[in-house]
Amino acid sequence: MTATVAALVPRDVVRTTGADATTFLQGQISQDVEAVEPGDSAWSLVLAPQGKVDAWFRLTRLGQNEFLVDLDAGFAEALVARLERFKLRVDATFEILEGWQMLSIRGSSGGLDGLDAVRVELRAPVAWPGFEGVDLLGPEVSLPAGAEASAAAMEAARIRAGWPAMGRELTERTIPAEIAGLVESSVSFTKGCYTGQELVARIDSRGGNVPRPVRLLEIRGDGVSPGAGITVDGKAVGEVTSAAADPASGVTVALGPVHRRVEPPADAEVDGIPATVLATPATTLDHH
């Protein structure tokens, strides 16, 4: 991709502080919190005790016991409630910061003119497969003068990159290994115990095989929406969780869990429209 895509995206942000914040998070989330240096960010999961996804977020360390957590809009309250539920005689507080949003820039150029002038609290590089860029977060984030935003183009890029969204690809039924690259990028296998780790470790020891890995679909038609059925040879094999028109390729791109017996690339239909099931690019998330 050569063009740069920009969008103002609603984003939930939680500030975590307290003398026990680091040790508490270390026992609750999948990432090695103690290995994240002040000023750096890492992606992580909070899992239910049985190993399914409660939340996926970016953790940024501001100080020894101060962190910012940002995640898809609408999920901060559930995340905080989940963490509070496991908090017992622990000095750690979770404050949802109101009014924040995120300016996301994606594309091979990695940015737009005027970004240095944007007032931000957090500036975080992001590497979507094929769409490197940066996220700018804060309560007063806005587009630089002369820049154009396109939420539709950003959604198409997200889907094309195989980047999962809370409430879509990531729900309380999701096994982390169903998302290509998510475990490798968001889970530490050396940090010690955390809630939900048994399922992650068991699946990893079996080569990461899961019943319904999330796949990328190219659909040769429009009007497809989440919930649309995916069929191969007349048999139901999955359903769409995200879909968007991709003007660059003239197709609808979609994500959705598909039965593992379907080996990509495979011919399929989505609500009767011809489609191709493709392997999803592996989510790549580096510490920075």
C-alpha atoms as a PDB file:
ATOM      1  CA  MET A   1       0.000   0.000   0.000  1.00  0.00           C
ATOM      2  CA  THR A   2       1.393   3.439  -0.906  1.00  0.00           C
ATOM      3  CA  ALA A   3      -1.395   5.800   0.170  1.00  0.00           C
ATOM      4  CA  THR A   4      -1.634   6.951   3.766  1.00  0.00           C
ATOM      5  CA  VAL A   5      -4.901   6.311   5.609  1.00  0.00           C
ATOM      6  CA  ALA A   6      -5.908   8.464   8.575  1.00  0.00           C
ATOM      7  CA  ALA A   7      -8.881   8.268  10.915  1.00  0.00           C
ATOM      8  CA  LEU A   8     -10.022   9.747  14.214  1.00  0.00           C
ATOM      9  CA  VAL A   9     -11.020   6.722  16.262  1.00  0.00           C
ATOM     10  CA  PRO A  10     -12.886   6.666  19.596  1.00  0.00           C
ATOM     11  CA  ARG A  11     -10.659   4.960  22.159  1.00  0.00           C
ATOM     12  CA  ASP A  12     -11.026   3.953  25.798  1.00  0.00           C
ATOM     13  CA  VAL A  13      -8.107   4.767  28.094  1.00  0.00           C
ATOM     14  CA  VAL A  14      -7.508   3.623  31.675  1.00  0.00           C
ATOM     15  CA  ARG A  15      -4.812   5.013  33.999  1.00  0.00           C
ATOM     16  CA  THR A  16      -3.468   2.454  36.481  1.00  0.00           C
ATOM     17  CA  THR A  17      -1.556   3.588  39.564  1.00  0.00           C
ATOM     18  CA  GLY A  18      -0.686   2.365  43.053  1.00  0.00           C
ATOM     19  CA  ALA A  19       2.213   0.773  44.923  1.00  0.00           C
ATOM     20  CA  ASP A  20       1.083  -2.724  43.861  1.00  0.00           C
ATOM     21  CA  ALA A  21       0.078  -1.850  40.274  1.00  0.00           C
ATOM     22  CA  THR A  22       2.994  -3.665  38.627  1.00  0.00           C
ATOM     23  CA  THR A  23       2.804  -6.844  40.694  1.00  0.00           C
ATOM     24  CA  PHE A  24      -0.981  -6.992  40.412  1.00  0.00           C
ATOM     25  CA  LEU A  25      -0.947  -6.618  36.623  1.00  0.00           C
ATOM     26  CA  GLN A  26       1.880  -9.146  36.375  1.00  0.00           C
ATOM     27  CA  GLY A  27      -0.408 -11.786  37.878  1.00  0.00           C
ATOM     28  CA  GLN A  28      -3.440 -10.820  35.808  1.00  0.00           C
ATOM     29  CA  ILE A  29      -2.355 -10.155  32.224  1.00  0.00           C
ATOM     30  CA  SER A  30      -0.535 -12.229  29.624  1.00  0.00           C
ATOM     31  CA  GLN A  31       2.336  -9.821  28.934  1.00  0.00           C
ATOM     32  CA  ASP A  32       5.502  -9.586  31.054  1.00  0.00           C
ATOM     33  CA  VAL A  33       4.742  -6.239  32.705  1.00  0.00           C
ATOM     34  CA  GLU A  34       8.073  -6.082  34.530  1.00  0.00           C
ATOM     35  CA  ALA A  35       9.938  -6.291  31.206  1.00  0.00           C
ATOM     36  CA  VAL A  36       8.209  -3.169  29.816  1.00  0.00           C
ATOM     37  CA  GLU A  37      10.493  -0.173  30.330  1.00  0.00           C
ATOM     38  CA  PRO A  38       9.083   3.269  31.261  1.00  0.00           C
ATOM     39  CA  GLY A  39       8.052   5.036  28.054  1.00  0.00           C
ATOM     40  CA  ASP A  40       7.552   1.759  26.179  1.00  0.00           C
ATOM     41  CA  SER A  41       4.348  -0.039  25.152  1.00  0.00           C
ATOM     42  CA  ALA A  42       3.396  -3.688  24.752  1.00  0.00           C
ATOM     43  CA  TRP A  43       0.183  -5.446  23.765  1.00  0.00           C
ATOM     44  CA  SER A  44      -1.488  -7.837  26.171  1.00  0.00           C
ATOM     45  CA  LEU A  45      -4.545  -9.922  26.924  1.00  0.00           C
ATOM     46  CA  VAL A  46      -6.671 -10.254  30.003  1.00  0.00           C
ATOM     47  CA  LEU A  47      -8.160 -13.734  30.012  1.00  0.00           C
ATOM     48  CA  ALA A  48     -11.025 -15.403  31.805  1.00  0.00           C
ATOM     49  CA  PRO A  49      -9.913 -18.225  34.141  1.00  0.00           C
ATOM     50  CA  GLN A  50     -10.808 -20.765  31.403  1.00  0.00           C
ATOM     51  CA  GLY A  51      -8.533 -18.965  28.924  1.00  0.00           C
ATOM     52  CA  LYS A  52     -11.037 -17.118  26.739  1.00  0.00           C
ATOM     53  CA  VAL A  53     -10.522 -13.417  25.904  1.00  0.00           C
ATOM     54  CA  ASP A  54     -11.833 -10.776  28.317  1.00  0.00           C
ATOM     55  CA  ALA A  55      -9.891  -7.893  26.735  1.00  0.00           C
ATOM     56  CA  TRP A  56      -6.975  -7.060  24.436  1.00  0.00           C
ATOM     57  CA  PHE A  57      -5.165  -3.766  24.872  1.00  0.00           C
ATOM     58  CA  ARG A  58      -1.968  -1.742  24.631  1.00  0.00           C
ATOM     59  CA  LEU A  59      -0.140  -1.248  27.934  1.00  0.00           C
ATOM     60  CA  THR A  60       2.156   1.776  28.148  1.00  0.00           C
ATOM     61  CA  ARG A  61       4.413   2.144  31.164  1.00  0.00           C
ATOM     62  CA  LEU A  62       4.663   5.729  32.381  1.00  0.00           C
ATOM     63  CA  GLY A  63       6.623   5.049  35.570  1.00  0.00           C
ATOM     64  CA  GLN A  64       7.512   2.372  38.112  1.00  0.00           C
ATOM     65  CA  ASN A  65       3.866   1.851  39.113  1.00  0.00           C
ATOM     66  CA  GLU A  66       1.941   3.946  36.601  1.00  0.00           C
ATOM     67  CA  PHE A  67       0.485   2.668  33.349  1.00  0.00           C
ATOM     68  CA  LEU A  68      -1.868   3.720  30.579  1.00  0.00           C
ATOM     69  CA  VAL A  69      -4.055   1.034  29.042  1.00  0.00           C
ATOM     70  CA  ASP A  70      -5.844   1.831  25.784  1.00  0.00           C
ATOM     71  CA  LEU A  71      -8.342  -0.408  24.024  1.00  0.00           C
ATOM     72  CA  ASP A  72     -11.277  -0.374  21.618  1.00  0.00           C
ATOM     73  CA  ALA A  73     -14.007   2.074  22.614  1.00  0.00           C
ATOM     74  CA  GLY A  74     -16.776   0.717  24.804  1.00  0.00           C
ATOM     75  CA  PHE A  75     -14.761  -1.931  26.644  1.00  0.00           C
ATOM     76  CA  ALA A  76     -12.975  -0.044  29.456  1.00  0.00           C
ATOM     77  CA  GLU A  77     -15.737  -0.529  32.023  1.00  0.00           C
ATOM     78  CA  ALA A  78     -15.781  -4.294  31.500  1.00  0.00           C
ATOM     79  CA  LEU A  79     -11.982  -4.441  31.699  1.00  0.00           C
ATOM     80  CA  VAL A  80     -11.861  -2.453  34.937  1.00  0.00           C
ATOM     81  CA  ALA A  81     -14.671  -4.554  36.449  1.00  0.00           C
ATOM     82  CA  ARG A  82     -12.777  -7.728  35.528  1.00  0.00           C
ATOM     83  CA  LEU A  83      -9.552  -6.478  37.138  1.00  0.00           C
ATOM     84  CA  GLU A  84     -11.349  -5.195  40.246  1.00  0.00           C
ATOM     85  CA  ARG A  85     -12.965  -8.612  40.685  1.00  0.00           C
ATOM     86  CA  PHE A  86      -9.546 -10.202  41.224  1.00  0.00           C
ATOM     87  CA  LYS A  87      -8.174  -7.412  43.425  1.00  0.00           C
ATOM     88  CA  LEU A  88      -7.812  -8.338  47.088  1.00  0.00           C
ATOM     89  CA  ARG A  89      -5.939  -6.137  49.572  1.00  0.00           C
ATOM     90  CA  VAL A  90      -4.003  -4.608  46.685  1.00  0.00           C
ATOM     91  CA  ASP A  91      -2.932  -0.967  46.275  1.00  0.00           C
ATOM     92  CA  ALA A  92      -3.880  -0.479  42.626  1.00  0.00           C
ATOM     93  CA  THR A  93      -6.461   1.902  41.180  1.00  0.00           C
ATOM     94  CA  PHE A  94      -8.033   2.029  37.733  1.00  0.00           C
ATOM     95  CA  GLU A  95      -9.305   5.367  36.443  1.00  0.00           C
ATOM     96  CA  ILE A  96     -11.171   5.583  33.144  1.00  0.00           C
ATOM     97  CA  LEU A  97     -10.032   8.781  31.408  1.00  0.00           C
ATOM     98  CA  GLU A  98     -12.932  10.549  29.718  1.00  0.00           C
ATOM     99  CA  GLY A  99     -12.821  12.385  26.414  1.00  0.00           C
ATOM    100  CA  TRP A 100      -9.761  10.762  24.895  1.00  0.00           C
ATOM    101  CA  GLN A 101      -9.616   9.710  21.278  1.00  0.00           C
ATOM    102  CA  MET A 102      -7.036   8.387  18.859  1.00  0.00           C
ATOM    103  CA  LEU A 103      -5.694   9.656  15.566  1.00  0.00           C
ATOM    104  CA  SER A 104      -4.525   6.578  13.659  1.00  0.00           C
ATOM    105  CA  ILE A 105      -2.211   6.872  10.668  1.00  0.00           C
ATOM    106  CA  ARG A 106      -1.512   3.854   8.467  1.00  0.00           C
ATOM    107  CA  GLY A 107       0.416   3.484   5.237  1.00  0.00           C
ATOM    108  CA  SER A 108       3.846   2.923   3.800  1.00  0.00           C
ATOM    109  CA  SER A 109       4.813   6.557   4.371  1.00  0.00           C
ATOM    110  CA  GLY A 110       3.923   6.110   8.030  1.00  0.00           C
ATOM    111  CA  GLY A 111       2.523   9.575   8.548  1.00  0.00           C
ATOM    112  CA  LEU A 112       1.207  12.904   7.370  1.00  0.00           C
ATOM    113  CA  ASP A 113       2.603  16.429   7.326  1.00  0.00           C
ATOM    114  CA  GLY A 114       1.850  18.361  10.491  1.00  0.00           C
ATOM    115  CA  LEU A 115       1.764  15.428  12.922  1.00  0.00           C
ATOM    116  CA  ASP A 116       4.442  16.966  15.133  1.00  0.00           C
ATOM    117  CA  ALA A 117       2.036  19.825  15.873  1.00  0.00           C
ATOM    118  CA  VAL A 118      -0.748  17.528  17.115  1.00  0.00           C
ATOM    119  CA  ARG A 119      -1.145  17.706  20.907  1.00  0.00           C
ATOM    120  CA  VAL A 120      -0.878  14.189  22.290  1.00  0.00           C
ATOM    121  CA  GLU A 121      -0.377  12.369  25.572  1.00  0.00           C
ATOM    122  CA  LEU A 122       0.814   9.178  23.898  1.00  0.00           C
ATOM    123  CA  ARG A 123       2.508   8.619  20.538  1.00  0.00           C
ATOM    124  CA  ALA A 124       2.805   4.887  19.776  1.00  0.00           C
ATOM    125  CA  PRO A 125       4.227   3.258  16.629  1.00  0.00           C
ATOM    126  CA  VAL A 126       2.048   0.472  15.230  1.00  0.00           C
ATOM    127  CA  ALA A 127       2.890  -2.241  12.700  1.00  0.00           C
ATOM    128  CA  TRP A 128      -0.170  -3.751  11.080  1.00  0.00           C
ATOM    129  CA  PRO A 129       0.871  -6.380   8.508  1.00  0.00           C
ATOM    130  CA  GLY A 130       1.388  -4.259   5.378  1.00  0.00           C
ATOM    131  CA  PHE A 131       0.260  -1.036   7.085  1.00  0.00           C
ATOM    132  CA  GLU A 132       2.855   0.448   9.418  1.00  0.00           C
ATOM    133  CA  GLY A 133       2.018   3.710  11.101  1.00  0.00           C
ATOM    134  CA  VAL A 134       1.414   5.464  14.388  1.00  0.00           C
ATOM    135  CA  ASP A 135      -1.359   6.055  16.930  1.00  0.00           C
ATOM    136  CA  LEU A 136      -1.666   9.461  18.612  1.00  0.00           C
ATOM    137  CA  LEU A 137      -3.788   9.530  21.769  1.00  0.00           C
ATOM    138  CA  GLY A 138      -4.984  12.316  24.018  1.00  0.00           C
ATOM    139  CA  PRO A 139      -7.978  14.426  25.084  1.00  0.00           C
ATOM    140  CA  GLU A 140      -7.314  17.096  22.446  1.00  0.00           C
ATOM    141  CA  VAL A 141      -6.139  15.021  19.466  1.00  0.00           C
ATOM    142  CA  SER A 142      -7.275  16.351  16.095  1.00  0.00           C
ATOM    143  CA  LEU A 143      -6.417  16.001  12.422  1.00  0.00           C
ATOM    144  CA  PRO A 144      -3.560  18.151  11.128  1.00  0.00           C
ATOM    145  CA  ALA A 145      -4.603  20.999   8.837  1.00  0.00           C
ATOM    146  CA  GLY A 146      -5.271  19.807   5.305  1.00  0.00           C
ATOM    147  CA  ALA A 147      -5.430  16.118   6.215  1.00  0.00           C
ATOM    148  CA  GLU A 148      -8.421  13.977   5.299  1.00  0.00           C
ATOM    149  CA  ALA A 149      -9.814  11.243   7.507  1.00  0.00           C
ATOM    150  CA  SER A 150     -11.601   8.119   6.305  1.00  0.00           C
ATOM    151  CA  ALA A 151     -13.010   5.711   8.860  1.00  0.00           C
ATOM    152  CA  ALA A 152     -14.144   3.444   5.982  1.00  0.00           C
ATOM    153  CA  ALA A 153     -10.645   3.224   4.497  1.00  0.00           C
ATOM    154  CA  MET A 154      -9.172   2.558   7.948  1.00  0.00           C
ATOM    155  CA  GLU A 155     -11.656  -0.257   8.544  1.00  0.00           C
ATOM    156  CA  ALA A 156     -10.762  -1.836   5.198  1.00  0.00           C
ATOM    157  CA  ALA A 157      -7.070  -1.588   6.091  1.00  0.00           C
ATOM    158  CA  ARG A 158      -7.683  -3.147   9.526  1.00  0.00           C
ATOM    159  CA  ILE A 159      -9.504  -6.084   7.997  1.00  0.00           C
ATOM    160  CA  ARG A 160      -6.953  -6.546   5.208  1.00  0.00           C
ATOM    161  CA  ALA A 161      -4.211  -6.610   7.877  1.00  0.00           C
ATOM    162  CA  GLY A 162      -6.087  -9.195   9.949  1.00  0.00           C
ATOM    163  CA  TRP A 163      -6.056  -6.854  12.964  1.00  0.00           C
ATOM    164  CA  PRO A 164      -8.746  -8.041  15.418  1.00  0.00           C
ATOM    165  CA  ALA A 165     -11.367  -5.804  17.039  1.00  0.00           C
ATOM    166  CA  MET A 166     -12.997  -6.226  20.433  1.00  0.00           C
ATOM    167  CA  GLY A 167     -16.626  -7.277  20.109  1.00  0.00           C
ATOM    168  CA  ARG A 168     -15.963  -8.579  16.583  1.00  0.00           C
ATOM    169  CA  GLU A 169     -13.063 -11.007  16.262  1.00  0.00           C
ATOM    170  CA  LEU A 170     -12.402 -10.909  20.017  1.00  0.00           C
ATOM    171  CA  THR A 171     -15.313 -11.907  22.262  1.00  0.00           C
ATOM    172  CA  GLU A 172     -15.813 -13.917  25.426  1.00  0.00           C
ATOM    173  CA  ARG A 173     -15.913 -17.025  23.176  1.00  0.00           C
ATOM    174  CA  THR A 174     -12.551 -16.340  21.507  1.00  0.00           C
ATOM    175  CA  ILE A 175      -9.481 -18.501  22.104  1.00  0.00           C
ATOM    176  CA  PRO A 176      -6.419 -16.231  21.635  1.00  0.00           C
ATOM    177  CA  ALA A 177      -4.729 -18.675  19.243  1.00  0.00           C
ATOM    178  CA  GLU A 178      -7.631 -18.249  16.788  1.00  0.00           C
ATOM    179  CA  ILE A 179      -6.074 -14.900  15.752  1.00  0.00           C
ATOM    180  CA  ALA A 180      -2.890 -15.377  13.700  1.00  0.00           C
ATOM    181  CA  GLY A 181       0.111 -13.976  15.572  1.00  0.00           C
ATOM    182  CA  LEU A 182      -1.828 -12.775  18.622  1.00  0.00           C
ATOM    183  CA  VAL A 183      -0.358 -15.224  21.121  1.00  0.00           C
ATOM    184  CA  GLU A 184       3.191 -14.736  19.851  1.00  0.00           C
ATOM    185  CA  SER A 185       2.867 -10.967  20.164  1.00  0.00           C
ATOM    186  CA  SER A 186       0.779 -10.541  23.321  1.00  0.00           C
ATOM    187  CA  VAL A 187       1.771 -13.451  25.574  1.00  0.00           C
ATOM    188  CA  SER A 188       4.927 -14.100  27.595  1.00  0.00           C
ATOM    189  CA  PHE A 189       5.744 -17.771  28.132  1.00  0.00           C
ATOM    190  CA  THR A 190       8.505 -17.007  30.649  1.00  0.00           C
ATOM    191  CA  LYS A 191       6.875 -14.621  33.152  1.00  0.00           C
ATOM    192  CA  GLY A 192       5.198 -17.076  35.504  1.00  0.00           C
ATOM    193  CA  CYS A 193       1.551 -17.528  36.413  1.00  0.00           C
ATOM    194  CA  TYR A 194      -1.333 -15.322  35.273  1.00  0.00           C
ATOM    195  CA  THR A 195      -5.060 -15.903  35.081  1.00  0.00           C
ATOM    196  CA  GLY A 196      -6.106 -18.086  32.150  1.00  0.00           C
ATOM    197  CA  GLN A 197      -2.632 -19.204  31.108  1.00  0.00           C
ATOM    198  CA  GLU A 198      -3.356 -22.956  31.180  1.00  0.00           C
ATOM    199  CA  LEU A 199      -5.388 -22.996  27.953  1.00  0.00           C
ATOM    200  CA  VAL A 200      -2.879 -20.757  26.149  1.00  0.00           C
ATOM    201  CA  ALA A 201       0.026 -23.003  27.169  1.00  0.00           C
ATOM    202  CA  ARG A 202      -1.844 -26.201  26.281  1.00  0.00           C
ATOM    203  CA  ILE A 203      -2.781 -25.023  22.794  1.00  0.00           C
ATOM    204  CA  ASP A 204       0.747 -23.712  22.198  1.00  0.00           C
ATOM    205  CA  SER A 205       2.206 -27.090  23.171  1.00  0.00           C
ATOM    206  CA  ARG A 206      -0.056 -28.711  20.562  1.00  0.00           C
ATOM    207  CA  GLY A 207       1.171 -26.494  17.758  1.00  0.00           C
ATOM    208  CA  GLY A 208      -1.501 -23.812  18.031  1.00  0.00           C
ATOM    209  CA  ASN A 209      -4.283 -25.854  16.412  1.00  0.00           C
ATOM    210  CA  VAL A 210      -7.730 -24.401  17.142  1.00  0.00           C
ATOM    211  CA  PRO A 211     -11.190 -25.417  15.854  1.00  0.00           C
ATOM    212  CA  ARG A 212     -12.050 -22.128  14.116  1.00  0.00           C
ATOM    213  CA  PRO A 213      -9.117 -19.884  13.171  1.00  0.00           C
ATOM    214  CA  VAL A 214     -10.050 -16.378  12.009  1.00  0.00           C
ATOM    215  CA  ARG A 215      -9.566 -16.020   8.245  1.00  0.00           C
ATOM    216  CA  LEU A 216      -9.470 -13.175   5.731  1.00  0.00           C
ATOM    217  CA  LEU A 217     -12.125 -13.297   3.018  1.00  0.00           C
ATOM    218  CA  GLU A 218     -12.333 -11.523  -0.314  1.00  0.00           C
ATOM    219  CA  ILE A 219     -15.980 -11.324  -1.368  1.00  0.00           C
ATOM    220  CA  ARG A 220     -16.835 -10.488  -4.973  1.00  0.00           C
ATOM    221  CA  GLY A 221     -19.900  -8.407  -4.146  1.00  0.00           C
ATOM    222  CA  ASP A 222     -21.190  -5.909  -1.611  1.00  0.00           C
ATOM    223  CA  GLY A 223     -23.862  -5.628   1.040  1.00  0.00           C
ATOM    224  CA  VAL A 224     -22.180  -8.140   3.357  1.00  0.00           C
ATOM    225  CA  SER A 225     -22.440  -7.419   7.078  1.00  0.00           C
ATOM    226  CA  PRO A 226     -21.340  -9.139  10.304  1.00  0.00           C
ATOM    227  CA  GLY A 227     -23.272 -12.335  10.926  1.00  0.00           C
ATOM    228  CA  ALA A 228     -23.316 -13.345   7.248  1.00  0.00           C
ATOM    229  CA  GLY A 229     -22.853 -17.074   6.829  1.00  0.00           C
ATOM    230  CA  ILE A 230     -19.736 -18.552   5.180  1.00  0.00           C
ATOM    231  CA  THR A 231     -20.253 -21.801   3.240  1.00  0.00           C
ATOM    232  CA  VAL A 232     -17.845 -24.117   1.412  1.00  0.00           C
ATOM    233  CA  ASP A 233     -19.263 -26.807  -0.880  1.00  0.00           C
ATOM    234  CA  GLY A 234     -22.706 -25.979   0.484  1.00  0.00           C
ATOM    235  CA  LYS A 235     -21.725 -26.589   4.107  1.00  0.00           C
ATOM    236  CA  ALA A 236     -21.729 -23.878   6.786  1.00  0.00           C
ATOM    237  CA  VAL A 237     -18.156 -23.322   7.984  1.00  0.00           C
ATOM    238  CA  GLY A 238     -18.280 -19.962   9.775  1.00  0.00           C
ATOM    239  CA  GLU A 239     -19.656 -16.438   9.839  1.00  0.00           C
ATOM    240  CA  VAL A 240     -18.413 -12.932   9.131  1.00  0.00           C
ATOM    241  CA  THR A 241     -17.383 -10.807  12.126  1.00  0.00           C
ATOM    242  CA  SER A 242     -16.179  -7.684  10.210  1.00  0.00           C
ATOM    243  CA  ALA A 243     -16.667  -6.540   6.608  1.00  0.00           C
ATOM    244  CA  ALA A 244     -15.806  -3.440   4.565  1.00  0.00           C
ATOM    245  CA  ALA A 245     -15.598  -2.362   0.942  1.00  0.00           C
ATOM    246  CA  ASP A 246     -11.993  -2.221  -0.270  1.00  0.00           C
ATOM    247  CA  PRO A 247     -11.913   0.323  -3.107  1.00  0.00           C
ATOM    248  CA  ALA A 248      -8.279  -0.469  -3.901  1.00  0.00           C
ATOM    249  CA  SER A 249      -9.132  -4.040  -4.938  1.00  0.00           C
ATOM    250  CA  GLY A 250     -12.809  -3.667  -5.845  1.00  0.00           C
ATOM    251  CA  VAL A 251     -13.938  -6.395  -3.443  1.00  0.00           C
ATOM    252  CA  THR A 252     -15.437  -6.604   0.021  1.00  0.00           C
ATOM    253  CA  VAL A 253     -12.871  -7.730   2.582  1.00  0.00           C
ATOM    254  CA  ALA A 254     -14.018  -9.560   5.681  1.00  0.00           C
ATOM    255  CA  LEU A 255     -12.813 -11.448   8.721  1.00  0.00           C
ATOM    256  CA  GLY A 256     -14.453 -14.377  10.425  1.00  0.00           C
ATOM    257  CA  PRO A 257     -13.737 -17.664  12.191  1.00  0.00           C
ATOM    258  CA  VAL A 258     -13.760 -20.549   9.700  1.00  0.00           C
ATOM    259  CA  HIS A 259     -13.693 -24.274  10.463  1.00  0.00           C
ATOM    260  CA  ARG A 260     -10.134 -25.591  10.416  1.00  0.00           C
ATOM    261  CA  ARG A 261     -10.943 -28.202   7.769  1.00  0.00           C
ATOM    262  CA  VAL A 262     -11.070 -25.331   5.241  1.00  0.00           C
ATOM    263  CA  GLU A 263      -7.505 -24.916   3.936  1.00  0.00           C
ATOM    264  CA  PRO A 264      -6.861 -21.444   2.463  1.00  0.00           C
ATOM    265  CA  PRO A 265      -6.985 -20.424  -0.289  1.00  0.00           C
ATOM    266  CA  ALA A 266     -10.435 -21.961  -0.742  1.00  0.00           C
ATOM    267  CA  ASP A 267     -13.492 -21.098  -2.807  1.00  0.00           C
ATOM    268  CA  ALA A 268     -16.476 -20.163  -0.669  1.00  0.00           C
ATOM    269  CA  GLU A 269     -19.738 -18.234  -0.622  1.00  0.00           C
ATOM    270  CA  VAL A 270     -20.842 -15.538   1.808  1.00  0.00           C
ATOM    271  CA  ASP A 271     -24.620 -15.169   1.841  1.00  0.00           C
ATOM    272  CA  GLY A 272     -24.538 -16.723  -1.618  1.00  0.00           C
ATOM    273  CA  ILE A 273     -21.887 -14.308  -3.014  1.00  0.00           C
ATOM    274  CA  PRO A 274     -18.705 -15.907  -4.414  1.00  0.00           C
ATOM    275  CA  ALA A 275     -15.709 -15.455  -2.111  1.00  0.00           C
ATOM    276  CA  THR A 276     -12.206 -16.721  -1.399  1.00  0.00           C
ATOM    277  CA  VAL A 277     -11.002 -17.785   2.054  1.00  0.00           C
ATOM    278  CA  LEU A 278      -7.413 -16.632   2.613  1.00  0.00           C
ATOM    279  CA  ALA A 279      -4.912 -17.029   5.411  1.00  0.00           C
ATOM    280  CA  THR A 280      -4.965 -14.011   7.726  1.00  0.00           C
ATOM    281  CA  PRO A 281      -1.708 -12.054   7.976  1.00  0.00           C
ATOM    282  CA  ALA A 282      -0.114 -12.730  11.351  1.00  0.00           C
ATOM    283  CA  THR A 283      -0.641  -9.864  13.769  1.00  0.00           C
ATOM    284  CA  THR A 284       2.815  -8.478  14.532  1.00  0.00           C
ATOM    285  CA  LEU A 285       3.196  -6.448  17.717  1.00  0.00           C
ATOM    286  CA  ASP A 286       6.642  -5.467  18.908  1.00  0.00           C
ATOM    287  CA  HIS A 287       7.638  -3.815  22.174  1.00  0.00           C
ATOM    288  CA  HIS A 288       8.712  -0.241  21.547  1.00  0.00           C
END
